[in-house]
Amino acid sequence: MPKTPTARSRSIAGLLTAGSLVLALSGCATYDVTAPADARADAPAAAVKEKDARLAADADGKNGAGKNGDGRDVDCRKAKCVALTFDAGPSENTDRLLDILKKEQVHATFFMLGKNHVDKRPAEVKRIDAEGHELANHTWSHQILTEIDPAEAKRELSRVQDAVHKITGKTPRLMRPPQGRTDGEVSRISKELGLAQVLWSVTAKDYQTNDPALITKRVLEQTERDGIILLHDIYKGTVPAVPGILKELKKRGYTVVTVSQLLSPAKPEPGMVYRP
């Protein structure tokens, strides 16, 4: 049955739709939701101490290759951060996107599909990892996890976990459910597989248009501090929009980070739904 909501973590029943993130009740199918800022505020004392030690080492010039492209960690408790994420790749556009991100010294989180993507483009998966981006899971074949048998939902996620680990030696800690649809059963499966669930606050709906100017406009209109931007590196108009998006976000004082950087000093909690 539903849990008693806490100040920073709410037990939500039902599903989240892709466009509007509308909540709908469905009995006892509950799951926990928290926002990035609340996750940071609730981070364990040991994690906070570890984070502060890394930041102090950065300030003293003791750290080497860093988390945000310039050798330093990012403190989103103080910085005006926004997470940049890409779904459904890698694709024929991914190398060009990685070139842009490297030039701009920005790291992103890639929620990758397995079928016809991870399995067809292992070189791009390796490069995503090698250049410091975050590897994440978007299921094997983009099935709606709330509409299939739990055993099949688990296979949709575990196949990507296994494939990414085989290519990179690393196992994703984050997943994004197709269309943002999750429920208590999906959360249970995610927790079992060690996956936190990540939704979003900014969508360019780049599946509707190939116009980079329109994609840029939509992103900038919606972006606020601690937001999570959803883009797709499989569509023709998206990658050309990225340089302008990054330029304007930096002009507005944003630090662009991965999802895990946005949550730090908290660490992604398996099964939890993170939604700005």
C-alpha atoms as a PDB file:
ATOM      1  CA  MET A   1       0.000   0.000   0.000  1.00  0.00           C
ATOM      2  CA  PRO A   2       1.157   3.605  -0.404  1.00  0.00           C
ATOM      3  CA  LYS A   3       3.849   4.812   1.933  1.00  0.00           C
ATOM      4  CA  THR A   4       3.679   7.956   3.995  1.00  0.00           C
ATOM      5  CA  PRO A   5       5.311  10.766   1.982  1.00  0.00           C
ATOM      6  CA  THR A   6       8.377  12.390   3.495  1.00  0.00           C
ATOM      7  CA  ALA A   7       9.517  16.000   3.151  1.00  0.00           C
ATOM      8  CA  ARG A   8      11.921  15.255   0.304  1.00  0.00           C
ATOM      9  CA  SER A   9      10.818  11.901  -1.137  1.00  0.00           C
ATOM     10  CA  ARG A  10       7.287  11.204  -2.254  1.00  0.00           C
ATOM     11  CA  SER A  11       5.629   7.866  -2.956  1.00  0.00           C
ATOM     12  CA  ILE A  12       3.800   8.271  -6.242  1.00  0.00           C
ATOM     13  CA  ALA A  13       1.353   5.849  -7.801  1.00  0.00           C
ATOM     14  CA  GLY A  14       0.794   5.344 -11.484  1.00  0.00           C
ATOM     15  CA  LEU A  15       2.658   6.488 -14.557  1.00  0.00           C
ATOM     16  CA  LEU A  16       4.367   9.494 -16.061  1.00  0.00           C
ATOM     17  CA  THR A  17       3.567  10.306 -19.658  1.00  0.00           C
ATOM     18  CA  ALA A  18       6.291  11.532 -21.993  1.00  0.00           C
ATOM     19  CA  GLY A  19       4.886  14.897 -22.936  1.00  0.00           C
ATOM     20  CA  SER A  20       3.291  16.300 -19.829  1.00  0.00           C
ATOM     21  CA  LEU A  21       4.680  14.130 -17.019  1.00  0.00           C
ATOM     22  CA  VAL A  22       1.133  13.811 -15.725  1.00  0.00           C
ATOM     23  CA  LEU A  23       0.634  11.695 -12.630  1.00  0.00           C
ATOM     24  CA  ALA A  24      -2.159   9.135 -12.608  1.00  0.00           C
ATOM     25  CA  LEU A  25      -3.141   7.030  -9.629  1.00  0.00           C
ATOM     26  CA  SER A  26      -3.303   3.252  -9.907  1.00  0.00           C
ATOM     27  CA  GLY A  27      -3.974   1.735  -6.533  1.00  0.00           C
ATOM     28  CA  CYS A  28      -0.978   0.368  -4.650  1.00  0.00           C
ATOM     29  CA  ALA A  29       1.577   0.564  -7.496  1.00  0.00           C
ATOM     30  CA  THR A  30       3.775   3.068  -5.731  1.00  0.00           C
ATOM     31  CA  TYR A  31       7.302   4.281  -6.226  1.00  0.00           C
ATOM     32  CA  ASP A  32       9.615   6.892  -4.753  1.00  0.00           C
ATOM     33  CA  VAL A  33      10.330  10.208  -6.463  1.00  0.00           C
ATOM     34  CA  THR A  34      12.805  12.928  -5.550  1.00  0.00           C
ATOM     35  CA  ALA A  35      14.230  16.043  -7.198  1.00  0.00           C
ATOM     36  CA  PRO A  36      17.968  16.594  -7.776  1.00  0.00           C
ATOM     37  CA  ALA A  37      18.188  19.418  -5.233  1.00  0.00           C
ATOM     38  CA  ASP A  38      16.411  17.304  -2.615  1.00  0.00           C
ATOM     39  CA  ALA A  39      18.690  14.352  -3.340  1.00  0.00           C
ATOM     40  CA  ARG A  40      21.739  16.558  -2.774  1.00  0.00           C
ATOM     41  CA  ALA A  41      20.304  17.933   0.463  1.00  0.00           C
ATOM     42  CA  ASP A  42      19.620  14.415   1.730  1.00  0.00           C
ATOM     43  CA  ALA A  43      23.044  13.011   0.815  1.00  0.00           C
ATOM     44  CA  PRO A  44      24.678  10.978   3.619  1.00  0.00           C
ATOM     45  CA  ALA A  45      27.261  12.796   5.706  1.00  0.00           C
ATOM     46  CA  ALA A  46      30.038  10.519   4.445  1.00  0.00           C
ATOM     47  CA  ALA A  47      29.209  11.364   0.822  1.00  0.00           C
ATOM     48  CA  VAL A  48      29.171  15.076   1.615  1.00  0.00           C
ATOM     49  CA  LYS A  49      32.564  14.791   3.312  1.00  0.00           C
ATOM     50  CA  GLU A  50      33.986  12.923   0.324  1.00  0.00           C
ATOM     51  CA  LYS A  51      32.637  15.528  -2.095  1.00  0.00           C
ATOM     52  CA  ASP A  52      34.024  18.406  -0.074  1.00  0.00           C
ATOM     53  CA  ALA A  53      37.432  16.707   0.070  1.00  0.00           C
ATOM     54  CA  ARG A  54      37.487  16.398  -3.738  1.00  0.00           C
ATOM     55  CA  LEU A  55      36.547  20.060  -4.121  1.00  0.00           C
ATOM     56  CA  ALA A  56      39.283  21.094  -1.674  1.00  0.00           C
ATOM     57  CA  ALA A  57      41.805  19.031  -3.625  1.00  0.00           C
ATOM     58  CA  ASP A  58      40.681  20.769  -6.818  1.00  0.00           C
ATOM     59  CA  ALA A  59      41.151  24.152  -5.194  1.00  0.00           C
ATOM     60  CA  ASP A  60      44.675  23.162  -4.184  1.00  0.00           C
ATOM     61  CA  GLY A  61      45.459  21.873  -7.651  1.00  0.00           C
ATOM     62  CA  LYS A  62      45.954  18.315  -6.404  1.00  0.00           C
ATOM     63  CA  ASN A  63      43.504  16.567  -8.720  1.00  0.00           C
ATOM     64  CA  GLY A  64      44.321  15.491 -12.234  1.00  0.00           C
ATOM     65  CA  ALA A  65      41.915  14.767 -15.099  1.00  0.00           C
ATOM     66  CA  GLY A  66      38.555  15.954 -13.933  1.00  0.00           C
ATOM     67  CA  LYS A  67      34.809  15.555 -14.074  1.00  0.00           C
ATOM     68  CA  ASN A  68      33.750  18.503 -16.201  1.00  0.00           C
ATOM     69  CA  GLY A  69      36.423  18.717 -18.852  1.00  0.00           C
ATOM     70  CA  ASP A  70      38.730  21.217 -17.183  1.00  0.00           C
ATOM     71  CA  GLY A  71      40.191  19.032 -14.444  1.00  0.00           C
ATOM     72  CA  ARG A  72      37.783  20.087 -11.698  1.00  0.00           C
ATOM     73  CA  ASP A  73      34.776  18.577  -9.993  1.00  0.00           C
ATOM     74  CA  VAL A  74      31.450  20.404 -10.150  1.00  0.00           C
ATOM     75  CA  ASP A  75      29.527  21.500  -7.061  1.00  0.00           C
ATOM     76  CA  CYS A  76      25.876  21.783  -8.084  1.00  0.00           C
ATOM     77  CA  ARG A  77      24.999  22.790  -4.533  1.00  0.00           C
ATOM     78  CA  LYS A  78      26.468  26.158  -5.503  1.00  0.00           C
ATOM     79  CA  ALA A  79      26.736  26.199  -9.290  1.00  0.00           C
ATOM     80  CA  LYS A  80      23.720  26.797 -11.536  1.00  0.00           C
ATOM     81  CA  CYS A  81      23.694  23.318 -13.033  1.00  0.00           C
ATOM     82  CA  VAL A  82      21.641  21.644 -15.728  1.00  0.00           C
ATOM     83  CA  ALA A  83      22.052  18.055 -16.921  1.00  0.00           C
ATOM     84  CA  LEU A  84      22.293  17.310 -20.635  1.00  0.00           C
ATOM     85  CA  THR A  85      20.999  13.908 -21.760  1.00  0.00           C
ATOM     86  CA  PHE A  86      20.621  12.108 -25.073  1.00  0.00           C
ATOM     87  CA  ASP A  87      18.258   9.201 -25.687  1.00  0.00           C
ATOM     88  CA  ALA A  88      18.004   6.336 -28.163  1.00  0.00           C
ATOM     89  CA  GLY A  89      21.525   6.260 -29.618  1.00  0.00           C
ATOM     90  CA  PRO A  90      24.241   5.727 -30.448  1.00  0.00           C
ATOM     91  CA  SER A  91      23.608   6.541 -34.091  1.00  0.00           C
ATOM     92  CA  GLU A  92      25.360   7.808 -37.195  1.00  0.00           C
ATOM     93  CA  ASN A  93      25.188  11.278 -35.614  1.00  0.00           C
ATOM     94  CA  THR A  94      26.897  10.376 -32.342  1.00  0.00           C
ATOM     95  CA  ASP A  95      30.514  10.906 -33.396  1.00  0.00           C
ATOM     96  CA  ARG A  96      29.694  14.422 -34.580  1.00  0.00           C
ATOM     97  CA  LEU A  97      27.920  15.099 -31.289  1.00  0.00           C
ATOM     98  CA  LEU A  98      30.925  13.836 -29.340  1.00  0.00           C
ATOM     99  CA  ASP A  99      33.195  16.133 -31.345  1.00  0.00           C
ATOM    100  CA  ILE A 100      31.036  19.087 -30.307  1.00  0.00           C
ATOM    101  CA  LEU A 101      30.929  18.088 -26.645  1.00  0.00           C
ATOM    102  CA  LYS A 102      34.696  17.596 -26.607  1.00  0.00           C
ATOM    103  CA  LYS A 103      35.284  21.011 -28.147  1.00  0.00           C
ATOM    104  CA  GLU A 104      32.959  22.656 -25.616  1.00  0.00           C
ATOM    105  CA  GLN A 105      34.386  20.629 -22.689  1.00  0.00           C
ATOM    106  CA  VAL A 106      30.943  19.374 -21.728  1.00  0.00           C
ATOM    107  CA  HIS A 107      29.928  15.944 -20.518  1.00  0.00           C
ATOM    108  CA  ALA A 108      26.487  14.436 -21.050  1.00  0.00           C
ATOM    109  CA  THR A 109      24.537  11.325 -20.097  1.00  0.00           C
ATOM    110  CA  PHE A 110      23.677   8.903 -22.900  1.00  0.00           C
ATOM    111  CA  PHE A 111      20.583   6.746 -22.368  1.00  0.00           C
ATOM    112  CA  MET A 112      21.304   4.127 -24.995  1.00  0.00           C
ATOM    113  CA  LEU A 113      19.092   1.636 -26.794  1.00  0.00           C
ATOM    114  CA  GLY A 114      20.400  -1.877 -27.245  1.00  0.00           C
ATOM    115  CA  LYS A 115      18.889  -3.253 -30.435  1.00  0.00           C
ATOM    116  CA  ASN A 116      20.332  -1.656 -33.586  1.00  0.00           C
ATOM    117  CA  HIS A 117      22.288   0.835 -31.469  1.00  0.00           C
ATOM    118  CA  VAL A 118      24.587  -0.517 -28.732  1.00  0.00           C
ATOM    119  CA  ASP A 119      24.840  -3.840 -30.519  1.00  0.00           C
ATOM    120  CA  LYS A 120      25.547  -2.223 -33.912  1.00  0.00           C
ATOM    121  CA  ARG A 121      27.819   0.611 -32.756  1.00  0.00           C
ATOM    122  CA  PRO A 122      30.221  -0.635 -30.069  1.00  0.00           C
ATOM    123  CA  ALA A 123      32.897   1.838 -31.221  1.00  0.00           C
ATOM    124  CA  GLU A 124      30.638   4.767 -30.385  1.00  0.00           C
ATOM    125  CA  VAL A 125      29.792   3.232 -27.000  1.00  0.00           C
ATOM    126  CA  LYS A 126      33.507   2.908 -26.268  1.00  0.00           C
ATOM    127  CA  ARG A 127      34.108   6.506 -27.290  1.00  0.00           C
ATOM    128  CA  ILE A 128      31.239   7.805 -25.137  1.00  0.00           C
ATOM    129  CA  ASP A 129      32.851   6.114 -22.159  1.00  0.00           C
ATOM    130  CA  ALA A 130      36.446   6.987 -23.045  1.00  0.00           C
ATOM    131  CA  GLU A 131      35.644  10.702 -23.307  1.00  0.00           C
ATOM    132  CA  GLY A 132      34.080  10.844 -19.845  1.00  0.00           C
ATOM    133  CA  HIS A 133      30.387  10.801 -20.644  1.00  0.00           C
ATOM    134  CA  GLU A 134      27.896   8.836 -18.586  1.00  0.00           C
ATOM    135  CA  LEU A 135      26.660   5.487 -19.859  1.00  0.00           C
ATOM    136  CA  ALA A 136      22.961   4.866 -19.191  1.00  0.00           C
ATOM    137  CA  ASN A 137      20.192   2.458 -20.165  1.00  0.00           C
ATOM    138  CA  HIS A 138      17.102   3.157 -22.314  1.00  0.00           C
ATOM    139  CA  THR A 139      16.031  -0.518 -22.706  1.00  0.00           C
ATOM    140  CA  TRP A 140      16.851  -2.985 -25.450  1.00  0.00           C
ATOM    141  CA  SER A 141      13.997  -2.285 -27.887  1.00  0.00           C
ATOM    142  CA  HIS A 142      12.079   0.689 -26.442  1.00  0.00           C
ATOM    143  CA  GLN A 143       9.139  -1.322 -25.196  1.00  0.00           C
ATOM    144  CA  ILE A 144       6.878   0.464 -22.701  1.00  0.00           C
ATOM    145  CA  LEU A 145       7.901  -1.214 -19.472  1.00  0.00           C
ATOM    146  CA  THR A 146       4.558  -0.707 -17.748  1.00  0.00           C
ATOM    147  CA  GLU A 147       2.749  -2.540 -20.563  1.00  0.00           C
ATOM    148  CA  ILE A 148       4.776  -5.760 -20.733  1.00  0.00           C
ATOM    149  CA  ASP A 149       5.296  -8.738 -18.479  1.00  0.00           C
ATOM    150  CA  PRO A 150       7.721  -8.023 -15.577  1.00  0.00           C
ATOM    151  CA  ALA A 151      10.060 -10.763 -16.764  1.00  0.00           C
ATOM    152  CA  GLU A 152      10.210  -9.160 -20.215  1.00  0.00           C
ATOM    153  CA  ALA A 153      10.720  -5.720 -18.667  1.00  0.00           C
ATOM    154  CA  LYS A 154      13.663  -7.084 -16.738  1.00  0.00           C
ATOM    155  CA  ARG A 155      15.141  -8.551 -19.935  1.00  0.00           C
ATOM    156  CA  GLU A 156      14.707  -5.200 -21.701  1.00  0.00           C
ATOM    157  CA  LEU A 157      16.948  -3.599 -19.091  1.00  0.00           C
ATOM    158  CA  SER A 158      19.347  -6.419 -18.270  1.00  0.00           C
ATOM    159  CA  ARG A 159      20.304  -7.010 -21.926  1.00  0.00           C
ATOM    160  CA  VAL A 160      21.563  -3.427 -22.177  1.00  0.00           C
ATOM    161  CA  GLN A 161      23.404  -3.763 -18.874  1.00  0.00           C
ATOM    162  CA  ASP A 162      25.179  -6.855 -20.148  1.00  0.00           C
ATOM    163  CA  ALA A 163      25.944  -5.414 -23.589  1.00  0.00           C
ATOM    164  CA  VAL A 164      27.413  -2.169 -22.241  1.00  0.00           C
ATOM    165  CA  HIS A 165      29.496  -4.064 -19.687  1.00  0.00           C
ATOM    166  CA  LYS A 166      30.840  -6.361 -22.386  1.00  0.00           C
ATOM    167  CA  ILE A 167      31.933  -3.357 -24.476  1.00  0.00           C
ATOM    168  CA  THR A 168      33.257  -1.044 -21.748  1.00  0.00           C
ATOM    169  CA  GLY A 169      33.689  -3.106 -18.594  1.00  0.00           C
ATOM    170  CA  LYS A 170      31.215  -0.766 -16.896  1.00  0.00           C
ATOM    171  CA  THR A 171      27.587  -1.316 -15.952  1.00  0.00           C
ATOM    172  CA  PRO A 172      25.126   1.600 -16.168  1.00  0.00           C
ATOM    173  CA  ARG A 173      23.620   2.914 -12.935  1.00  0.00           C
ATOM    174  CA  LEU A 174      20.903   4.994 -14.572  1.00  0.00           C
ATOM    175  CA  MET A 175      17.979   4.162 -16.819  1.00  0.00           C
ATOM    176  CA  ARG A 176      15.242   6.150 -18.523  1.00  0.00           C
ATOM    177  CA  PRO A 177      11.953   4.294 -19.069  1.00  0.00           C
ATOM    178  CA  PRO A 178      10.583   4.723 -22.610  1.00  0.00           C
ATOM    179  CA  GLN A 179       8.044   7.582 -22.722  1.00  0.00           C
ATOM    180  CA  GLY A 180       8.836   8.206 -19.049  1.00  0.00           C
ATOM    181  CA  ARG A 181       6.383   5.505 -18.049  1.00  0.00           C
ATOM    182  CA  THR A 182       7.129   3.790 -14.777  1.00  0.00           C
ATOM    183  CA  ASP A 183       5.291   2.211 -11.877  1.00  0.00           C
ATOM    184  CA  GLY A 184       5.937   0.219  -8.734  1.00  0.00           C
ATOM    185  CA  GLU A 185       6.855  -2.955 -10.613  1.00  0.00           C
ATOM    186  CA  VAL A 186       9.309  -1.157 -12.897  1.00  0.00           C
ATOM    187  CA  SER A 187      10.846   0.473  -9.836  1.00  0.00           C
ATOM    188  CA  ARG A 188      11.210  -2.923  -8.161  1.00  0.00           C
ATOM    189  CA  ILE A 189      12.951  -4.342 -11.237  1.00  0.00           C
ATOM    190  CA  SER A 190      15.180  -1.278 -11.517  1.00  0.00           C
ATOM    191  CA  LYS A 191      16.212  -1.591  -7.901  1.00  0.00           C
ATOM    192  CA  GLU A 192      17.022  -5.265  -8.410  1.00  0.00           C
ATOM    193  CA  LEU A 193      19.262  -4.361 -11.360  1.00  0.00           C
ATOM    194  CA  GLY A 194      20.952  -1.467  -9.542  1.00  0.00           C
ATOM    195  CA  LEU A 195      19.357   1.198 -11.743  1.00  0.00           C
ATOM    196  CA  ALA A 196      18.020   4.597 -10.746  1.00  0.00           C
ATOM    197  CA  GLN A 197      15.305   6.043 -12.998  1.00  0.00           C
ATOM    198  CA  VAL A 198      15.804   9.463 -14.573  1.00  0.00           C
ATOM    199  CA  LEU A 199      13.013  11.577 -16.069  1.00  0.00           C
ATOM    200  CA  TRP A 200      13.322  15.120 -17.398  1.00  0.00           C
ATOM    201  CA  SER A 201      12.063  18.696 -17.215  1.00  0.00           C
ATOM    202  CA  VAL A 202      13.045  19.961 -20.674  1.00  0.00           C
ATOM    203  CA  THR A 203      12.016  18.391 -23.964  1.00  0.00           C
ATOM    204  CA  ALA A 204      12.598  19.883 -27.391  1.00  0.00           C
ATOM    205  CA  LYS A 205      10.286  17.290 -28.951  1.00  0.00           C
ATOM    206  CA  ASP A 206      13.021  16.850 -31.525  1.00  0.00           C
ATOM    207  CA  TYR A 207      11.184  13.798 -32.831  1.00  0.00           C
ATOM    208  CA  GLN A 208       8.685  16.288 -34.337  1.00  0.00           C
ATOM    209  CA  THR A 209      11.080  18.612 -36.135  1.00  0.00           C
ATOM    210  CA  ASN A 210      14.453  18.744 -37.892  1.00  0.00           C
ATOM    211  CA  ASP A 211      14.734  22.508 -37.386  1.00  0.00           C
ATOM    212  CA  PRO A 212      17.786  23.226 -35.174  1.00  0.00           C
ATOM    213  CA  ALA A 213      16.565  26.759 -34.445  1.00  0.00           C
ATOM    214  CA  LEU A 214      13.243  25.478 -33.135  1.00  0.00           C
ATOM    215  CA  ILE A 215      14.941  22.786 -31.069  1.00  0.00           C
ATOM    216  CA  THR A 216      17.246  25.408 -29.562  1.00  0.00           C
ATOM    217  CA  LYS A 217      14.325  27.736 -28.816  1.00  0.00           C
ATOM    218  CA  ARG A 218      12.336  25.009 -27.066  1.00  0.00           C
ATOM    219  CA  VAL A 219      15.278  23.960 -24.892  1.00  0.00           C
ATOM    220  CA  LEU A 220      16.159  27.478 -23.822  1.00  0.00           C
ATOM    221  CA  GLU A 221      12.559  28.406 -23.055  1.00  0.00           C
ATOM    222  CA  GLN A 222      12.194  25.511 -20.617  1.00  0.00           C
ATOM    223  CA  THR A 223      15.599  25.323 -18.951  1.00  0.00           C
ATOM    224  CA  GLU A 224      15.894  26.238 -15.288  1.00  0.00           C
ATOM    225  CA  ARG A 225      18.431  25.421 -12.597  1.00  0.00           C
ATOM    226  CA  ASP A 226      18.629  21.706 -11.728  1.00  0.00           C
ATOM    227  CA  GLY A 227      16.757  20.823 -14.902  1.00  0.00           C
ATOM    228  CA  ILE A 228      17.350  17.720 -17.002  1.00  0.00           C
ATOM    229  CA  ILE A 229      17.338  18.289 -20.769  1.00  0.00           C
ATOM    230  CA  LEU A 230      16.061  15.483 -23.005  1.00  0.00           C
ATOM    231  CA  LEU A 231      17.371  15.338 -26.573  1.00  0.00           C
ATOM    232  CA  HIS A 232      17.833  12.505 -29.090  1.00  0.00           C
ATOM    233  CA  ASP A 233      21.057  12.065 -31.052  1.00  0.00           C
ATOM    234  CA  ILE A 234      19.195   9.940 -33.622  1.00  0.00           C
ATOM    235  CA  TYR A 235      17.361  12.868 -35.264  1.00  0.00           C
ATOM    236  CA  LYS A 236      18.883  15.064 -37.969  1.00  0.00           C
ATOM    237  CA  GLY A 237      18.075  18.432 -36.430  1.00  0.00           C
ATOM    238  CA  THR A 238      19.321  17.735 -32.920  1.00  0.00           C
ATOM    239  CA  VAL A 239      23.105  17.610 -33.170  1.00  0.00           C
ATOM    240  CA  PRO A 240      23.274  20.836 -35.243  1.00  0.00           C
ATOM    241  CA  ALA A 241      21.318  22.534 -32.445  1.00  0.00           C
ATOM    242  CA  VAL A 242      23.749  21.543 -29.701  1.00  0.00           C
ATOM    243  CA  PRO A 243      26.459  24.215 -30.223  1.00  0.00           C
ATOM    244  CA  GLY A 244      23.902  27.031 -30.007  1.00  0.00           C
ATOM    245  CA  ILE A 245      22.228  25.475 -26.977  1.00  0.00           C
ATOM    246  CA  LEU A 246      25.527  25.156 -25.141  1.00  0.00           C
ATOM    247  CA  LYS A 247      26.657  28.658 -26.062  1.00  0.00           C
ATOM    248  CA  GLU A 248      23.469  30.240 -24.755  1.00  0.00           C
ATOM    249  CA  LEU A 249      23.311  28.101 -21.609  1.00  0.00           C
ATOM    250  CA  LYS A 250      26.859  29.131 -20.720  1.00  0.00           C
ATOM    251  CA  LYS A 251      25.978  32.763 -21.467  1.00  0.00           C
ATOM    252  CA  ARG A 252      23.108  32.468 -19.002  1.00  0.00           C
ATOM    253  CA  GLY A 253      25.430  31.156 -16.312  1.00  0.00           C
ATOM    254  CA  TYR A 254      24.639  27.466 -16.464  1.00  0.00           C
ATOM    255  CA  THR A 255      27.149  24.700 -15.845  1.00  0.00           C
ATOM    256  CA  VAL A 256      26.266  21.720 -18.032  1.00  0.00           C
ATOM    257  CA  VAL A 257      26.772  18.383 -16.285  1.00  0.00           C
ATOM    258  CA  THR A 258      25.893  14.696 -16.320  1.00  0.00           C
ATOM    259  CA  VAL A 259      22.977  13.387 -14.280  1.00  0.00           C
ATOM    260  CA  SER A 260      25.255  11.913 -11.623  1.00  0.00           C
ATOM    261  CA  GLN A 261      27.095  15.224 -11.310  1.00  0.00           C
ATOM    262  CA  LEU A 262      23.750  16.975 -10.878  1.00  0.00           C
ATOM    263  CA  LEU A 263      22.857  14.657  -7.986  1.00  0.00           C
ATOM    264  CA  SER A 264      26.273  14.754  -6.286  1.00  0.00           C
ATOM    265  CA  PRO A 265      27.150  14.474  -3.410  1.00  0.00           C
ATOM    266  CA  ALA A 266      24.209  12.063  -3.441  1.00  0.00           C
ATOM    267  CA  LYS A 267      24.680   8.893  -5.466  1.00  0.00           C
ATOM    268  CA  PRO A 268      21.918   7.512  -7.689  1.00  0.00           C
ATOM    269  CA  GLU A 269      19.702   5.259  -5.603  1.00  0.00           C
ATOM    270  CA  PRO A 270      18.518   2.096  -7.374  1.00  0.00           C
ATOM    271  CA  GLY A 271      14.770   2.124  -7.976  1.00  0.00           C
ATOM    272  CA  MET A 272      14.381   5.812  -7.159  1.00  0.00           C
ATOM    273  CA  VAL A 273      12.776   8.093  -9.749  1.00  0.00           C
ATOM    274  CA  TYR A 274      14.660  11.389 -10.193  1.00  0.00           C
ATOM    275  CA  ARG A 275      12.506  14.142 -11.642  1.00  0.00           C
ATOM    276  CA  PRO A 276      13.234  17.892 -11.495  1.00  0.00           C
END
